[in-house]
C-alpha atoms as a PDB file:
ATOM      1  CA  SER A   1       6.450 -48.410 -29.145  1.00  0.00           C
ATOM      2  CA  PHE A   2       6.380 -46.371 -25.466  1.00  0.00           C
ATOM      3  CA  LEU A   3       2.619 -47.185 -25.135  1.00  0.00           C
ATOM      4  CA  GLN A   4       3.090 -51.036 -25.890  1.00  0.00           C
ATOM      5  CA  GLU A   5       5.910 -50.843 -23.286  1.00  0.00           C
ATOM      6  CA  LEU A   6       3.925 -48.715 -20.760  1.00  0.00           C
ATOM      7  CA  THR A   7       0.696 -50.681 -21.237  1.00  0.00           C
ATOM      8  CA  GLY A   8       1.926 -54.392 -22.038  1.00  0.00           C
ATOM      9  CA  LYS A   9      -0.703 -54.461 -24.992  1.00  0.00           C
ATOM     10  CA  LYS A  10      -0.285 -54.676 -28.774  1.00  0.00           C
ATOM     11  CA  LYS A  11      -3.490 -52.819 -29.254  1.00  0.00           C
ATOM     12  CA  ARG A  12      -3.469 -48.927 -28.659  1.00  0.00           C
ATOM     13  CA  THR A  13      -4.927 -48.091 -25.756  1.00  0.00           C
ATOM     14  CA  ASP A  14      -4.788 -44.554 -24.454  1.00  0.00           C
ATOM     15  CA  ASP A  15      -7.015 -45.037 -21.183  1.00  0.00           C
ATOM     16  CA  LEU A  16      -4.001 -45.789 -18.782  1.00  0.00           C
ATOM     17  CA  LEU A  17      -2.396 -42.393 -20.159  1.00  0.00           C
ATOM     18  CA  TYR A  18      -5.115 -40.306 -18.955  1.00  0.00           C
ATOM     19  CA  THR A  19      -3.933 -41.048 -14.943  1.00  0.00           C
ATOM     20  CA  PHE A  20      -0.211 -39.812 -15.324  1.00  0.00           C
ATOM     21  CA  LYS A  21       0.048 -36.616 -13.606  1.00  0.00           C
ATOM     22  CA  PRO A  22       3.098 -34.500 -13.732  1.00  0.00           C
ATOM     23  CA  LYS A  23       4.748 -34.686 -10.331  1.00  0.00           C
ATOM     24  CA  HIS A  24       8.704 -32.904 -10.689  1.00  0.00           C
ATOM     25  CA  LEU A  25      10.213 -30.763 -13.374  1.00  0.00           C
ATOM     26  CA  ILE A  26      13.810 -30.652 -12.671  1.00  0.00           C
ATOM     27  CA  SER A  27      15.935 -27.823 -15.249  1.00  0.00           C
ATOM     28  CA  ARG A  28      19.202 -29.768 -16.643  1.00  0.00           C
ATOM     29  CA  MET A  29      22.567 -27.655 -16.531  1.00  0.00           C
ATOM     30  CA  ASP A  30      22.362 -27.781 -20.430  1.00  0.00           C
ATOM     31  CA  GLY A  31      18.930 -26.066 -20.498  1.00  0.00           C
ATOM     32  CA  GLY A  32      16.903 -29.402 -20.753  1.00  0.00           C
ATOM     33  CA  SER A  33      14.502 -30.838 -17.962  1.00  0.00           C
ATOM     34  CA  VAL A  34      13.729 -33.951 -16.491  1.00  0.00           C
ATOM     35  CA  LEU A  35       9.731 -34.707 -16.404  1.00  0.00           C
ATOM     36  CA  ILE A  36       8.416 -37.175 -14.074  1.00  0.00           C
ATOM     37  CA  LEU A  37       4.825 -38.200 -14.014  1.00  0.00           C
ATOM     38  CA  GLU A  38       2.963 -40.428 -11.850  1.00  0.00           C
ATOM     39  CA  SER A  39      -0.262 -42.737 -12.707  1.00  0.00           C
ATOM     40  CA  PHE A  40      -2.699 -41.904  -9.631  1.00  0.00           C
ATOM     41  CA  TYR A  41      -6.416 -42.441  -9.756  1.00  0.00           C
ATOM     42  CA  ARG A  42      -9.334 -43.020  -7.418  1.00  0.00           C
ATOM     43  CA  GLN A  43     -12.425 -45.540  -7.747  1.00  0.00           C
ATOM     44  CA  ASP A  44     -15.291 -45.950  -5.811  1.00  0.00           C
ATOM     45  CA  GLU A  45     -16.533 -48.908  -5.246  1.00  0.00           C
ATOM     46  CA  GLU A  46     -20.205 -49.490  -3.989  1.00  0.00           C
ATOM     47  CA  TYR A  47     -20.888 -52.986  -1.738  1.00  0.00           C
ATOM     48  CA  THR A  48     -24.525 -54.213  -0.585  1.00  0.00           C
ATOM     49  CA  ILE A  49     -24.467 -55.544   2.672  1.00  0.00           C
ATOM     50  CA  PRO A  50     -26.822 -58.067   3.723  1.00  0.00           C
ATOM     51  CA  SER A  51     -29.794 -56.399   5.780  1.00  0.00           C
ATOM     52  CA  PHE A  52     -31.672 -58.490   8.501  1.00  0.00           C
ATOM     53  CA  ASN A  53     -34.938 -56.419   7.196  1.00  0.00           C
ATOM     54  CA  PRO A  54     -36.215 -57.741   3.911  1.00  0.00           C
ATOM     55  CA  GLY A  55     -36.518 -55.873   1.113  1.00  0.00           C
ATOM     56  CA  MET A  56     -33.713 -53.183   2.698  1.00  0.00           C
ATOM     57  CA  ALA A  57     -30.341 -52.991   1.419  1.00  0.00           C
ATOM     58  CA  ASN A  58     -27.623 -51.549   3.115  1.00  0.00           C
ATOM     59  CA  TYR A  59     -24.636 -50.141   0.726  1.00  0.00           C
ATOM     60  CA  ARG A  60     -21.077 -49.787   1.559  1.00  0.00           C
ATOM     61  CA  THR A  61     -18.883 -47.002  -0.470  1.00  0.00           C
ATOM     62  CA  VAL A  62     -15.094 -47.879  -0.180  1.00  0.00           C
ATOM     63  CA  ASN A  63     -12.724 -45.339  -1.606  1.00  0.00           C
ATOM     64  CA  VAL A  64      -9.873 -46.974  -3.421  1.00  0.00           C
ATOM     65  CA  TYR A  65      -6.341 -45.127  -4.146  1.00  0.00           C
ATOM     66  CA  ARG A  66      -4.316 -45.997  -6.733  1.00  0.00           C
ATOM     67  CA  TYR A  67      -0.489 -44.930  -7.146  1.00  0.00           C
ATOM     68  CA  ASN A  68       1.040 -46.819  -9.914  1.00  0.00           C
ATOM     69  CA  ASP A  69       3.726 -46.471 -12.418  1.00  0.00           C
ATOM     70  CA  ILE A  70       6.130 -43.469 -12.734  1.00  0.00           C
ATOM     71  CA  ILE A  71       7.755 -42.177 -16.129  1.00  0.00           C
ATOM     72  CA  VAL A  72      10.677 -40.286 -16.150  1.00  0.00           C
ATOM     73  CA  PHE A  73      11.452 -37.915 -19.193  1.00  0.00           C
ATOM     74  CA  SER A  74      14.508 -36.493 -19.982  1.00  0.00           C
ATOM     75  CA  LEU A  75      14.009 -33.878 -22.360  1.00  0.00           C
ATOM     76  CA  SER A  76      16.725 -32.354 -24.451  1.00  0.00           C
ATOM     77  CA  PRO A  77      17.043 -28.196 -24.622  1.00  0.00           C
ATOM     78  CA  ASP A  78      15.015 -28.038 -27.826  1.00  0.00           C
ATOM     79  CA  GLY A  79      11.858 -30.200 -26.294  1.00  0.00           C
ATOM     80  CA  ASN A  80      12.717 -33.790 -27.637  1.00  0.00           C
ATOM     81  CA  ILE A  81      12.865 -36.704 -25.776  1.00  0.00           C
ATOM     82  CA  ASP A  82      16.537 -37.804 -24.994  1.00  0.00           C
ATOM     83  CA  TRP A  83      15.410 -41.085 -23.134  1.00  0.00           C
ATOM     84  CA  TYR A  84      12.717 -42.360 -20.741  1.00  0.00           C
ATOM     85  CA  GLN A  85      12.263 -44.881 -17.906  1.00  0.00           C
ATOM     86  CA  ILE A  86       9.135 -46.275 -16.703  1.00  0.00           C
ATOM     87  CA  ILE A  87       9.618 -47.270 -12.834  1.00  0.00           C
ATOM     88  CA  ARG A  88       7.148 -50.114 -12.241  1.00  0.00           C
ATOM     89  CA  LYS A  89       4.876 -49.940  -8.592  1.00  0.00           C
ATOM     90  CA  SER A  90       1.658 -50.769  -7.795  1.00  0.00           C
ATOM     91  CA  GLN A  91       0.036 -49.227  -4.634  1.00  0.00           C
ATOM     92  CA  GLN A  92      -3.588 -49.245  -3.826  1.00  0.00           C
ATOM     93  CA  SER A  93      -5.164 -48.244  -0.478  1.00  0.00           C
ATOM     94  CA  GLU A  94      -8.654 -48.147   0.850  1.00  0.00           C
ATOM     95  CA  ASN A  95     -10.398 -45.052   2.782  1.00  0.00           C
ATOM     96  CA  ASP A  96      -7.034 -43.415   4.100  1.00  0.00           C
ATOM     97  CA  ASN A  97      -6.849 -40.305   1.070  1.00  0.00           C
ATOM     98  CA  GLY A  98      -4.148 -42.110  -0.363  1.00  0.00           C
ATOM     99  CA  ALA A  99      -1.675 -41.435   2.637  1.00  0.00           C
ATOM    100  CA  TYR A 100       0.835 -44.018   2.273  1.00  0.00           C
ATOM    101  CA  GLY A 101       1.164 -43.998  -1.616  1.00  0.00           C
ATOM    102  CA  SER A 102       3.003 -42.175  -4.292  1.00  0.00           C
ATOM    103  CA  PHE A 103       6.850 -41.170  -4.176  1.00  0.00           C
ATOM    104  CA  CYS A 104       9.598 -38.865  -3.434  1.00  0.00           C
ATOM    105  CA  CYS A 105      12.702 -37.783  -5.180  1.00  0.00           C
ATOM    106  CA  LEU A 106      16.399 -37.056  -4.092  1.00  0.00           C
ATOM    107  CA  ASN A 107      18.352 -35.184  -6.881  1.00  0.00           C
ATOM    108  CA  THR A 108      22.215 -35.728  -6.265  1.00  0.00           C
ATOM    109  CA  ASN A 109      22.832 -34.051  -9.724  1.00  0.00           C
ATOM    110  CA  THR A 110      24.472 -37.408 -10.794  1.00  0.00           C
ATOM    111  CA  LYS A 111      21.451 -39.545 -10.003  1.00  0.00           C
ATOM    112  CA  LEU A 112      17.739 -38.790  -9.394  1.00  0.00           C
ATOM    113  CA  HIS A 113      16.656 -41.407  -6.878  1.00  0.00           C
ATOM    114  CA  CYS A 114      12.993 -42.296  -6.230  1.00  0.00           C
ATOM    115  CA  PHE A 115      11.967 -43.738  -3.218  1.00  0.00           C
ATOM    116  CA  PHE A 116       8.678 -45.362  -2.511  1.00  0.00           C
ATOM    117  CA  SER A 117       6.965 -48.529  -0.950  1.00  0.00           C
ATOM    118  CA  SER A 118       6.194 -51.941  -3.387  1.00  0.00           C
ATOM    119  CA  GLU A 119       3.200 -51.565  -2.176  1.00  0.00           C
ATOM    120  CA  ILE A 120       1.175 -50.301   0.620  1.00  0.00           C
ATOM    121  CA  SER A 121       1.407 -52.819   3.417  1.00  0.00           C
ATOM    122  CA  SER A 122       4.033 -53.407   6.417  1.00  0.00           C
ATOM    123  CA  LYS A 123       5.267 -56.166   4.459  1.00  0.00           C
ATOM    124  CA  SER A 124       6.790 -54.266   1.812  1.00  0.00           C
ATOM    125  CA  PHE A 125      10.191 -53.274   0.634  1.00  0.00           C
ATOM    126  CA  ILE A 126      11.323 -49.332   1.082  1.00  0.00           C
ATOM    127  CA  LYS A 127      12.612 -49.053  -2.507  1.00  0.00           C
ATOM    128  CA  ASP A 128      14.872 -46.985  -4.479  1.00  0.00           C
ATOM    129  CA  ALA A 129      15.207 -46.576  -8.293  1.00  0.00           C
ATOM    130  CA  SER A 130      18.051 -44.518  -9.127  1.00  0.00           C
ATOM    131  CA  ILE A 131      18.564 -43.123 -12.546  1.00  0.00           C
ATOM    132  CA  ALA A 132      21.739 -41.794 -13.860  1.00  0.00           C
ATOM    133  CA  ALA A 133      22.155 -39.062 -16.389  1.00  0.00           C
ATOM    134  CA  ASP A 134      22.385 -41.223 -19.534  1.00  0.00           C
ATOM    135  CA  GLY A 135      19.152 -42.986 -18.221  1.00  0.00           C
ATOM    136  CA  SER A 136      20.097 -46.249 -17.039  1.00  0.00           C
ATOM    137  CA  ILE A 137      18.238 -47.299 -13.978  1.00  0.00           C
ATOM    138  CA  TYR A 138      19.114 -49.728 -11.220  1.00  0.00           C
ATOM    139  CA  THR A 139      16.439 -50.245  -8.157  1.00  0.00           C
ATOM    140  CA  ASN A 140      16.909 -51.789  -4.758  1.00  0.00           C
ATOM    141  CA  ASN A 141      15.834 -52.682  -1.891  1.00  0.00           C
ATOM    142  CA  LEU A 142      16.467 -50.645   0.638  1.00  0.00           C
ATOM    143  CA  LEU A 143      14.830 -51.239   3.688  1.00  0.00           C
ATOM    144  CA  ASN A 144      11.872 -54.530   4.896  1.00  0.00           C
ATOM    145  CA  GLN A 145       9.070 -52.354   6.525  1.00  0.00           C
ATOM    146  CA  LEU A 146       8.213 -55.876   8.515  1.00  0.00           C
ATOM    147  CA  ASP A 147      11.671 -55.770   9.945  1.00  0.00           C
ATOM    148  CA  SER A 148      11.524 -52.030  10.812  1.00  0.00           C
ATOM    149  CA  GLY A 149       8.054 -51.747  11.821  1.00  0.00           C
ATOM    150  CA  LEU A 150       7.871 -48.821   9.541  1.00  0.00           C
ATOM    151  CA  LEU A 151       5.053 -47.670   7.125  1.00  0.00           C
ATOM    152  CA  ILE A 152       6.684 -44.930   5.135  1.00  0.00           C
ATOM    153  CA  VAL A 153       4.594 -41.670   3.878  1.00  0.00           C
ATOM    154  CA  PRO A 154       6.441 -40.997   0.696  1.00  0.00           C
ATOM    155  CA  LYS A 155       4.886 -38.028  -0.941  1.00  0.00           C
ATOM    156  CA  LEU A 156       5.680 -35.888   2.384  1.00  0.00           C
ATOM    157  CA  GLY A 157       9.703 -36.834   1.586  1.00  0.00           C
ATOM    158  CA  VAL A 158      11.682 -33.422   1.748  1.00  0.00           C
ATOM    159  CA  GLN A 159      15.077 -33.006   0.306  1.00  0.00           C
ATOM    160  CA  ILE A 160      17.134 -31.276   2.794  1.00  0.00           C
ATOM    161  CA  SER A 161      20.771 -31.139   1.171  1.00  0.00           C
ATOM    162  CA  SER A 162      21.927 -31.874  -1.778  1.00  0.00           C
ATOM    163  CA  ARG A 163      22.498 -35.426  -0.952  1.00  0.00           C
ATOM    164  CA  GLU A 164      19.912 -35.940   1.805  1.00  0.00           C
ATOM    165  CA  ILE A 165      16.229 -36.925   2.046  1.00  0.00           C
ATOM    166  CA  LEU A 166      13.668 -37.067   5.013  1.00  0.00           C
ATOM    167  CA  ILE A 167      10.925 -39.432   5.017  1.00  0.00           C
ATOM    168  CA  PRO A 168       8.217 -39.507   7.518  1.00  0.00           C
ATOM    169  CA  SER A 169       7.202 -42.690   8.470  1.00  0.00           C
ATOM    170  CA  PHE A 170       4.693 -44.505  11.321  1.00  0.00           C
ATOM    171  CA  ARG A 171       5.363 -47.575  14.013  1.00  0.00           C
ATOM    172  CA  GLU A 172       2.739 -48.286  16.182  1.00  0.00           C
ATOM    173  CA  ASN A 173       1.234 -44.566  15.585  1.00  0.00           C
ATOM    174  CA  ASP A 174       4.266 -43.202  16.330  1.00  0.00           C
ATOM    175  CA  LEU A 175       6.103 -40.610  13.716  1.00  0.00           C
ATOM    176  CA  LYS A 176       9.347 -41.670  12.888  1.00  0.00           C
ATOM    177  CA  ILE A 177      11.788 -39.944  10.527  1.00  0.00           C
ATOM    178  CA  ILE A 178      13.898 -41.554   8.018  1.00  0.00           C
ATOM    179  CA  LYS A 179      17.331 -40.196   6.893  1.00  0.00           C
ATOM    180  CA  ILE A 180      18.468 -41.082   3.696  1.00  0.00           C
ATOM    181  CA  GLU A 181      21.983 -39.981   2.895  1.00  0.00           C
ATOM    182  CA  TYR A 182      24.094 -40.650  -0.298  1.00  0.00           C
END
């Protein structure tokens, strides 16, 4: 079932579904649409820090931002699901408002490309999960961020033409723009 494939659990659990938020709705030529959702949630974790004053405790709150799996649904003109794909990713960051998480899309009319970091780290890969009109998916490593020294900001990516996207990134606090063209 869809829930079992999504959660990896045989027992029904809906907790994970509440974290999915709509990100893109793309109209198809036949009147149908493609709906893209992403799992996102924020957790506030509190830690006790030892104090030099007896009886006094210090606390530190850490805001953890989690951008996880992407679900792509292809919907027929009458609203039925033609196919769906789950793009697995796990991105976690702390105290940065989730700046380096999420993904961006390039719609070339023949394929939908979703670009994201495999994890939020300068040691990860920039990935391209490309989905064809029939729902077939291929995931490719585009760039090793460690070799390039880049850390991308995918949620700020902008499609500038039918085959090009710009994705902002940082290298040693300098803004760099990545241009991907198909």
